[in-house]
Amino acid sequence: MSRSRRKTPIFSITTAKSESFDKACWHRAFRRAENQRLQSDPESDPHHFHEFSDPWSMQKDGKHWWPDATMIDALMRK
């Protein structure tokens, strides 16, 4: 990946590398709740995924546009 470059200077706000753990946890909780709902009452309305996930409580809680990063080659590397 020595030649990979970012096309836009958007960076995450925190130092967390990824949200994969957070996403896996809420997907697991959502699937479990849906399976329980289908077993108990299949005719009921499905759960909405916003009941289980909150982007503000995850490790990376947003992104920020940094236009000066285009001048710094090391920051634009992937």
PDB file of N, CA and C in Angstrom:
ATOM      1  N   MET A   1       0.824  -1.192   0.000  1.00  0.00           N
ATOM      2  CA  MET A   1       0.000   0.000   0.000  1.00  0.00           C
ATOM      3  C   MET A   1       0.868   1.255   0.000  1.00  0.00           C
ATOM      4  N   SER A   2       2.075   1.142  -0.478  1.00  0.00           N
ATOM      5  CA  SER A   2       2.957   2.295  -0.463  1.00  0.00           C
ATOM      6  C   SER A   2       2.500   3.376  -1.430  1.00  0.00           C
ATOM      7  N   ARG A   3       1.730   3.011  -2.451  1.00  0.00           N
ATOM      8  CA  ARG A   3       1.273   3.998  -3.420  1.00  0.00           C
ATOM      9  C   ARG A   3      -0.179   4.413  -3.201  1.00  0.00           C
ATOM     10  N   SER A   4      -0.813   3.880  -2.188  1.00  0.00           N
ATOM     11  CA  SER A   4      -2.199   4.262  -1.913  1.00  0.00           C
ATOM     12  C   SER A   4      -2.252   5.644  -1.299  1.00  0.00           C
ATOM     13  N   ARG A   5      -3.134   6.442  -1.819  1.00  0.00           N
ATOM     14  CA  ARG A   5      -3.299   7.808  -1.329  1.00  0.00           C
ATOM     15  C   ARG A   5      -4.780   8.081  -1.110  1.00  0.00           C
ATOM     16  N   ARG A   6      -5.067   8.915  -0.129  1.00  0.00           N
ATOM     17  CA  ARG A   6      -6.443   9.361   0.108  1.00  0.00           C
ATOM     18  C   ARG A   6      -6.819  10.340  -0.998  1.00  0.00           C
ATOM     19  N   LYS A   7      -8.077  10.284  -1.385  1.00  0.00           N
ATOM     20  CA  LYS A   7      -8.553  11.241  -2.374  1.00  0.00           C
ATOM     21  C   LYS A   7      -9.089  12.505  -1.708  1.00  0.00           C
ATOM     22  N   THR A   8      -9.631  12.359  -0.501  1.00  0.00           N
ATOM     23  CA  THR A   8     -10.166  13.508   0.219  1.00  0.00           C
ATOM     24  C   THR A   8      -9.522  13.572   1.604  1.00  0.00           C
ATOM     25  N   PRO A   9      -9.260  14.752   2.104  1.00  0.00           N
ATOM     26  CA  PRO A   9      -8.616  14.903   3.412  1.00  0.00           C
ATOM     27  C   PRO A   9      -9.608  14.826   4.573  1.00  0.00           C
ATOM     28  N   ILE A  10     -10.260  13.672   4.733  1.00  0.00           N
ATOM     29  CA  ILE A  10     -11.212  13.467   5.825  1.00  0.00           C
ATOM     30  C   ILE A  10     -10.609  12.456   6.780  1.00  0.00           C
ATOM     31  N   PHE A  11     -10.551  12.802   8.062  1.00  0.00           N
ATOM     32  CA  PHE A  11      -9.932  11.953   9.066  1.00  0.00           C
ATOM     33  C   PHE A  11     -10.890  11.760  10.233  1.00  0.00           C
ATOM     34  N   SER A  12     -10.726  10.638  10.927  1.00  0.00           N
ATOM     35  CA  SER A  12     -11.560  10.400  12.104  1.00  0.00           C
ATOM     36  C   SER A  12     -11.107  11.308  13.245  1.00  0.00           C
ATOM     37  N   ILE A  13     -12.019  11.606  14.150  1.00  0.00           N
ATOM     38  CA  ILE A  13     -11.735  12.539  15.233  1.00  0.00           C
ATOM     39  C   ILE A  13     -10.869  11.884  16.307  1.00  0.00           C
ATOM     40  N   THR A  14     -11.106  10.625  16.606  1.00  0.00           N
ATOM     41  CA  THR A  14     -10.351   9.963  17.659  1.00  0.00           C
ATOM     42  C   THR A  14      -9.228   9.126  17.076  1.00  0.00           C
ATOM     43  N   THR A  15      -8.481   8.478  17.939  1.00  0.00           N
ATOM     44  CA  THR A  15      -7.339   7.693  17.492  1.00  0.00           C
ATOM     45  C   THR A  15      -7.684   6.226  17.265  1.00  0.00           C
ATOM     46  N   ALA A  16      -8.926   5.839  17.361  1.00  0.00           N
ATOM     47  CA  ALA A  16      -9.308   4.444  17.135  1.00  0.00           C
ATOM     48  C   ALA A  16      -9.110   4.097  15.668  1.00  0.00           C
ATOM     49  N   LYS A  17      -8.607   2.899  15.412  1.00  0.00           N
ATOM     50  CA  LYS A  17      -8.341   2.481  14.036  1.00  0.00           C
ATOM     51  C   LYS A  17      -9.632   2.146  13.291  1.00  0.00           C
ATOM     52  N   SER A  18     -10.543   1.435  13.959  1.00  0.00           N
ATOM     53  CA  SER A  18     -11.779   1.060  13.274  1.00  0.00           C
ATOM     54  C   SER A  18     -12.903   0.904  14.291  1.00  0.00           C
ATOM     55  N   GLU A  19     -14.103   0.761  13.753  1.00  0.00           N
ATOM     56  CA  GLU A  19     -15.290   0.554  14.577  1.00  0.00           C
ATOM     57  C   GLU A  19     -15.788  -0.873  14.462  1.00  0.00           C
ATOM     58  N   SER A  20     -14.960  -1.779  14.008  1.00  0.00           N
ATOM     59  CA  SER A  20     -15.425  -3.134  13.730  1.00  0.00           C
ATOM     60  C   SER A  20     -15.952  -3.827  14.981  1.00  0.00           C
ATOM     61  N   PHE A  21     -15.324  -3.623  16.129  1.00  0.00           N
ATOM     62  CA  PHE A  21     -15.803  -4.252  17.364  1.00  0.00           C
ATOM     63  C   PHE A  21     -17.177  -3.710  17.746  1.00  0.00           C
ATOM     64  N   ASP A  22     -17.346  -2.396  17.676  1.00  0.00           N
ATOM     65  CA  ASP A  22     -18.634  -1.782  18.008  1.00  0.00           C
ATOM     66  C   ASP A  22     -19.735  -2.257  17.062  1.00  0.00           C
ATOM     67  N   LYS A  23     -19.415  -2.308  15.768  1.00  0.00           N
ATOM     68  CA  LYS A  23     -20.413  -2.742  14.792  1.00  0.00           C
ATOM     69  C   LYS A  23     -20.794  -4.196  15.004  1.00  0.00           C
ATOM     70  N   ALA A  24     -19.805  -5.040  15.289  1.00  0.00           N
ATOM     71  CA  ALA A  24     -20.095  -6.454  15.527  1.00  0.00           C
ATOM     72  C   ALA A  24     -20.997  -6.627  16.743  1.00  0.00           C
ATOM     73  N   CYS A  25     -20.757  -5.853  17.797  1.00  0.00           N
ATOM     74  CA  CYS A  25     -21.576  -5.958  19.011  1.00  0.00           C
ATOM     75  C   CYS A  25     -23.026  -5.567  18.756  1.00  0.00           C
ATOM     76  N   TRP A  26     -23.263  -4.453  18.067  1.00  0.00           N
ATOM     77  CA  TRP A  26     -24.648  -4.049  17.893  1.00  0.00           C
ATOM     78  C   TRP A  26     -25.349  -4.891  16.837  1.00  0.00           C
ATOM     79  N   HIS A  27     -24.611  -5.393  15.839  1.00  0.00           N
ATOM     80  CA  HIS A  27     -25.234  -6.314  14.887  1.00  0.00           C
ATOM     81  C   HIS A  27     -25.661  -7.605  15.586  1.00  0.00           C
ATOM     82  N   ARG A  28     -24.819  -8.083  16.486  1.00  0.00           N
ATOM     83  CA  ARG A  28     -25.140  -9.301  17.238  1.00  0.00           C
ATOM     84  C   ARG A  28     -26.388  -9.095  18.094  1.00  0.00           C
ATOM     85  N   ALA A  29     -26.472  -7.943  18.763  1.00  0.00           N
ATOM     86  CA  ALA A  29     -27.636  -7.647  19.601  1.00  0.00           C
ATOM     87  C   ALA A  29     -28.898  -7.503  18.745  1.00  0.00           C
ATOM     88  N   PHE A  30     -28.773  -6.882  17.590  1.00  0.00           N
ATOM     89  CA  PHE A  30     -29.916  -6.708  16.693  1.00  0.00           C
ATOM     90  C   PHE A  30     -30.409  -8.052  16.168  1.00  0.00           C
ATOM     91  N   ARG A  31     -29.488  -8.899  15.719  1.00  0.00           N
ATOM     92  CA  ARG A  31     -29.881 -10.216  15.213  1.00  0.00           C
ATOM     93  C   ARG A  31     -30.535 -11.061  16.301  1.00  0.00           C
ATOM     94  N   ARG A  32     -29.998 -11.007  17.502  1.00  0.00           N
ATOM     95  CA  ARG A  32     -30.570 -11.783  18.608  1.00  0.00           C
ATOM     96  C   ARG A  32     -31.987 -11.311  18.928  1.00  0.00           C
ATOM     97  N   ALA A  33     -32.191 -10.004  18.980  1.00  0.00           N
ATOM     98  CA  ALA A  33     -33.521  -9.469  19.273  1.00  0.00           C
ATOM     99  C   ALA A  33     -34.513  -9.829  18.165  1.00  0.00           C
ATOM    100  N   GLU A  34     -34.072  -9.784  16.921  1.00  0.00           N
ATOM    101  CA  GLU A  34     -34.958 -10.144  15.817  1.00  0.00           C
ATOM    102  C   GLU A  34     -35.314 -11.622  15.851  1.00  0.00           C
ATOM    103  N   ASN A  35     -34.349 -12.472  16.152  1.00  0.00           N
ATOM    104  CA  ASN A  35     -34.634 -13.903  16.246  1.00  0.00           C
ATOM    105  C   ASN A  35     -35.618 -14.196  17.381  1.00  0.00           C
ATOM    106  N   GLN A  36     -35.445 -13.532  18.512  1.00  0.00           N
ATOM    107  CA  GLN A  36     -36.367 -13.722  19.629  1.00  0.00           C
ATOM    108  C   GLN A  36     -37.757 -13.221  19.274  1.00  0.00           C
ATOM    109  N   ARG A  37     -37.837 -12.094  18.572  1.00  0.00           N
ATOM    110  CA  ARG A  37     -39.130 -11.548  18.157  1.00  0.00           C
ATOM    111  C   ARG A  37     -39.824 -12.502  17.194  1.00  0.00           C
ATOM    112  N   LEU A  38     -39.070 -13.066  16.249  1.00  0.00           N
ATOM    113  CA  LEU A  38     -39.663 -13.984  15.280  1.00  0.00           C
ATOM    114  C   LEU A  38     -40.149 -15.271  15.931  1.00  0.00           C
ATOM    115  N   GLN A  39     -39.455 -15.719  16.962  1.00  0.00           N
ATOM    116  CA  GLN A  39     -39.885 -16.939  17.647  1.00  0.00           C
ATOM    117  C   GLN A  39     -41.108 -16.707  18.515  1.00  0.00           C
ATOM    118  N   SER A  40     -41.187 -15.538  19.146  1.00  0.00           N
ATOM    119  CA  SER A  40     -42.308 -15.294  20.054  1.00  0.00           C
ATOM    120  C   SER A  40     -43.544 -14.776  19.325  1.00  0.00           C
ATOM    121  N   ASP A  41     -43.372 -13.814  18.415  1.00  0.00           N
ATOM    122  CA  ASP A  41     -44.514 -13.227  17.713  1.00  0.00           C
ATOM    123  C   ASP A  41     -44.083 -12.822  16.299  1.00  0.00           C
ATOM    124  N   PRO A  42     -44.198 -13.725  15.329  1.00  0.00           N
ATOM    125  CA  PRO A  42     -43.715 -13.429  13.978  1.00  0.00           C
ATOM    126  C   PRO A  42     -44.493 -12.325  13.260  1.00  0.00           C
ATOM    127  N   GLU A  43     -45.696 -12.030  13.708  1.00  0.00           N
ATOM    128  CA  GLU A  43     -46.518 -11.020  13.042  1.00  0.00           C
ATOM    129  C   GLU A  43     -46.234  -9.602  13.532  1.00  0.00           C
ATOM    130  N   SER A  44     -45.409  -9.450  14.558  1.00  0.00           N
ATOM    131  CA  SER A  44     -45.136  -8.109  15.107  1.00  0.00           C
ATOM    132  C   SER A  44     -44.191  -7.329  14.194  1.00  0.00           C
ATOM    133  N   ASP A  45     -44.129  -6.034  14.444  1.00  0.00           N
ATOM    134  CA  ASP A  45     -43.260  -5.168  13.649  1.00  0.00           C
ATOM    135  C   ASP A  45     -41.789  -5.454  13.978  1.00  0.00           C
ATOM    136  N   PRO A  46     -40.926  -5.395  12.971  1.00  0.00           N
ATOM    137  CA  PRO A  46     -39.502  -5.629  13.240  1.00  0.00           C
ATOM    138  C   PRO A  46     -38.879  -4.474  14.019  1.00  0.00           C
ATOM    139  N   HIS A  47     -37.802  -4.778  14.713  1.00  0.00           N
ATOM    140  CA  HIS A  47     -37.055  -3.746  15.434  1.00  0.00           C
ATOM    141  C   HIS A  47     -36.350  -2.848  14.435  1.00  0.00           C
ATOM    142  N   HIS A  48     -36.132  -1.616  14.829  1.00  0.00           N
ATOM    143  CA  HIS A  48     -35.330  -0.707  14.008  1.00  0.00           C
ATOM    144  C   HIS A  48     -33.900  -0.757  14.527  1.00  0.00           C
ATOM    145  N   PHE A  49     -32.928  -0.713  13.615  1.00  0.00           N
ATOM    146  CA  PHE A  49     -31.542  -0.869  14.055  1.00  0.00           C
ATOM    147  C   PHE A  49     -31.048   0.289  14.904  1.00  0.00           C
ATOM    148  N   HIS A  50     -31.732   1.426  14.862  1.00  0.00           N
ATOM    149  CA  HIS A  50     -31.330   2.551  15.711  1.00  0.00           C
ATOM    150  C   HIS A  50     -31.596   2.285  17.190  1.00  0.00           C
ATOM    151  N   GLU A  51     -32.395   1.265  17.488  1.00  0.00           N
ATOM    152  CA  GLU A  51     -32.616   0.896  18.887  1.00  0.00           C
ATOM    153  C   GLU A  51     -31.353   0.284  19.494  1.00  0.00           C
ATOM    154  N   PHE A  52     -30.464  -0.237  18.645  1.00  0.00           N
ATOM    155  CA  PHE A  52     -29.301  -0.971  19.135  1.00  0.00           C
ATOM    156  C   PHE A  52     -27.982  -0.252  18.862  1.00  0.00           C
ATOM    157  N   SER A  53     -27.962   0.681  17.932  1.00  0.00           N
ATOM    158  CA  SER A  53     -26.705   1.356  17.607  1.00  0.00           C
ATOM    159  C   SER A  53     -26.831   2.849  17.827  1.00  0.00           C
ATOM    160  N   ASP A  54     -25.755   3.436  18.273  1.00  0.00           N
ATOM    161  CA  ASP A  54     -25.671   4.877  18.441  1.00  0.00           C
ATOM    162  C   ASP A  54     -24.286   5.302  17.976  1.00  0.00           C
ATOM    163  N   PRO A  55     -24.182   6.014  16.867  1.00  0.00           N
ATOM    164  CA  PRO A  55     -22.863   6.360  16.358  1.00  0.00           C
ATOM    165  C   PRO A  55     -22.043   7.226  17.320  1.00  0.00           C
ATOM    166  N   TRP A  56     -22.701   7.933  18.218  1.00  0.00           N
ATOM    167  CA  TRP A  56     -21.963   8.787  19.140  1.00  0.00           C
ATOM    168  C   TRP A  56     -21.357   8.011  20.302  1.00  0.00           C
ATOM    169  N   SER A  57     -21.782   6.780  20.510  1.00  0.00           N
ATOM    170  CA  SER A  57     -21.203   6.000  21.597  1.00  0.00           C
ATOM    171  C   SER A  57     -20.132   5.024  21.103  1.00  0.00           C
ATOM    172  N   MET A  58     -19.858   5.031  19.813  1.00  0.00           N
ATOM    173  CA  MET A  58     -18.826   4.160  19.262  1.00  0.00           C
ATOM    174  C   MET A  58     -17.451   4.786  19.448  1.00  0.00           C
ATOM    175  N   GLN A  59     -16.403   4.003  19.185  1.00  0.00           N
ATOM    176  CA  GLN A  59     -15.047   4.481  19.418  1.00  0.00           C
ATOM    177  C   GLN A  59     -14.692   5.663  18.511  1.00  0.00           C
ATOM    178  N   LYS A  60     -15.029   5.569  17.243  1.00  0.00           N
ATOM    179  CA  LYS A  60     -14.804   6.690  16.329  1.00  0.00           C
ATOM    180  C   LYS A  60     -16.123   7.434  16.213  1.00  0.00           C
ATOM    181  N   ASP A  61     -16.208   8.585  16.816  1.00  0.00           N
ATOM    182  CA  ASP A  61     -17.502   9.260  16.888  1.00  0.00           C
ATOM    183  C   ASP A  61     -17.665  10.351  15.843  1.00  0.00           C
ATOM    184  N   GLY A  62     -16.987  10.259  14.733  1.00  0.00           N
ATOM    185  CA  GLY A  62     -17.193  11.224  13.680  1.00  0.00           C
ATOM    186  C   GLY A  62     -15.957  11.433  12.844  1.00  0.00           C
ATOM    187  N   LYS A  63     -16.098  12.276  11.852  1.00  0.00           N
ATOM    188  CA  LYS A  63     -14.990  12.586  10.961  1.00  0.00           C
ATOM    189  C   LYS A  63     -14.880  14.094  10.815  1.00  0.00           C
ATOM    190  N   HIS A  64     -13.711  14.519  10.377  1.00  0.00           N
ATOM    191  CA  HIS A  64     -13.438  15.942  10.265  1.00  0.00           C
ATOM    192  C   HIS A  64     -12.704  16.212   8.954  1.00  0.00           C
ATOM    193  N   TRP A  65     -13.106  17.244   8.254  1.00  0.00           N
ATOM    194  CA  TRP A  65     -12.459  17.658   7.020  1.00  0.00           C
ATOM    195  C   TRP A  65     -11.244  18.509   7.375  1.00  0.00           C
ATOM    196  N   TRP A  66     -10.071  18.130   6.856  1.00  0.00           N
ATOM    197  CA  TRP A  66      -8.839  18.859   7.136  1.00  0.00           C
ATOM    198  C   TRP A  66      -8.185  19.246   5.811  1.00  0.00           C
ATOM    199  N   PRO A  67      -8.519  20.417   5.261  1.00  0.00           N
ATOM    200  CA  PRO A  67      -8.043  20.785   3.928  1.00  0.00           C
ATOM    201  C   PRO A  67      -6.526  20.968   3.837  1.00  0.00           C
ATOM    202  N   ASP A  68      -5.850  21.304   4.932  1.00  0.00           N
ATOM    203  CA  ASP A  68      -4.398  21.501   4.887  1.00  0.00           C
ATOM    204  C   ASP A  68      -3.633  20.189   4.772  1.00  0.00           C
ATOM    205  N   ALA A  69      -4.299  19.062   4.949  1.00  0.00           N
ATOM    206  CA  ALA A  69      -3.625  17.767   4.896  1.00  0.00           C
ATOM    207  C   ALA A  69      -3.151  17.426   3.491  1.00  0.00           C
ATOM    208  N   THR A  70      -3.731  18.048   2.469  1.00  0.00           N
ATOM    209  CA  THR A  70      -3.307  17.755   1.104  1.00  0.00           C
ATOM    210  C   THR A  70      -1.874  18.203   0.852  1.00  0.00           C
ATOM    211  N   MET A  71      -1.387  19.151   1.642  1.00  0.00           N
ATOM    212  CA  MET A  71      -0.012  19.626   1.477  1.00  0.00           C
ATOM    213  C   MET A  71       0.997  18.739   2.196  1.00  0.00           C
ATOM    214  N   ILE A  72       0.533  17.901   3.113  1.00  0.00           N
ATOM    215  CA  ILE A  72       1.426  17.022   3.871  1.00  0.00           C
ATOM    216  C   ILE A  72       1.257  15.606   3.327  1.00  0.00           C
ATOM    217  N   ASP A  73       2.260  15.153   2.612  1.00  0.00           N
ATOM    218  CA  ASP A  73       2.177  13.867   1.912  1.00  0.00           C
ATOM    219  C   ASP A  73       1.976  12.701   2.876  1.00  0.00           C
ATOM    220  N   ALA A  74       2.615  12.729   4.031  1.00  0.00           N
ATOM    221  CA  ALA A  74       2.521  11.612   4.977  1.00  0.00           C
ATOM    222  C   ALA A  74       1.108  11.435   5.512  1.00  0.00           C
ATOM    223  N   LEU A  75       0.330  12.502   5.632  1.00  0.00           N
ATOM    224  CA  LEU A  75      -1.031  12.396   6.151  1.00  0.00           C
ATOM    225  C   LEU A  75      -2.004  11.840   5.113  1.00  0.00           C
ATOM    226  N   MET A  76      -1.688  11.994   3.858  1.00  0.00           N
ATOM    227  CA  MET A  76      -2.583  11.514   2.808  1.00  0.00           C
ATOM    228  C   MET A  76      -2.325  10.066   2.423  1.00  0.00           C
ATOM    229  N   ARG A  77      -1.315   9.441   3.014  1.00  0.00           N
ATOM    230  CA  ARG A  77      -1.076   8.023   2.764  1.00  0.00           C
ATOM    231  C   ARG A  77      -2.089   7.181   3.526  1.00  0.00           C
ATOM    232  N   LYS A  78      -2.433   6.027   2.960  1.00  0.00           N
ATOM    233  CA  LYS A  78      -3.361   5.124   3.641  1.00  0.00           C
ATOM    234  C   LYS A  78      -2.599   4.183   4.548  1.00  0.00           C
TER     235      LYS A  78
END
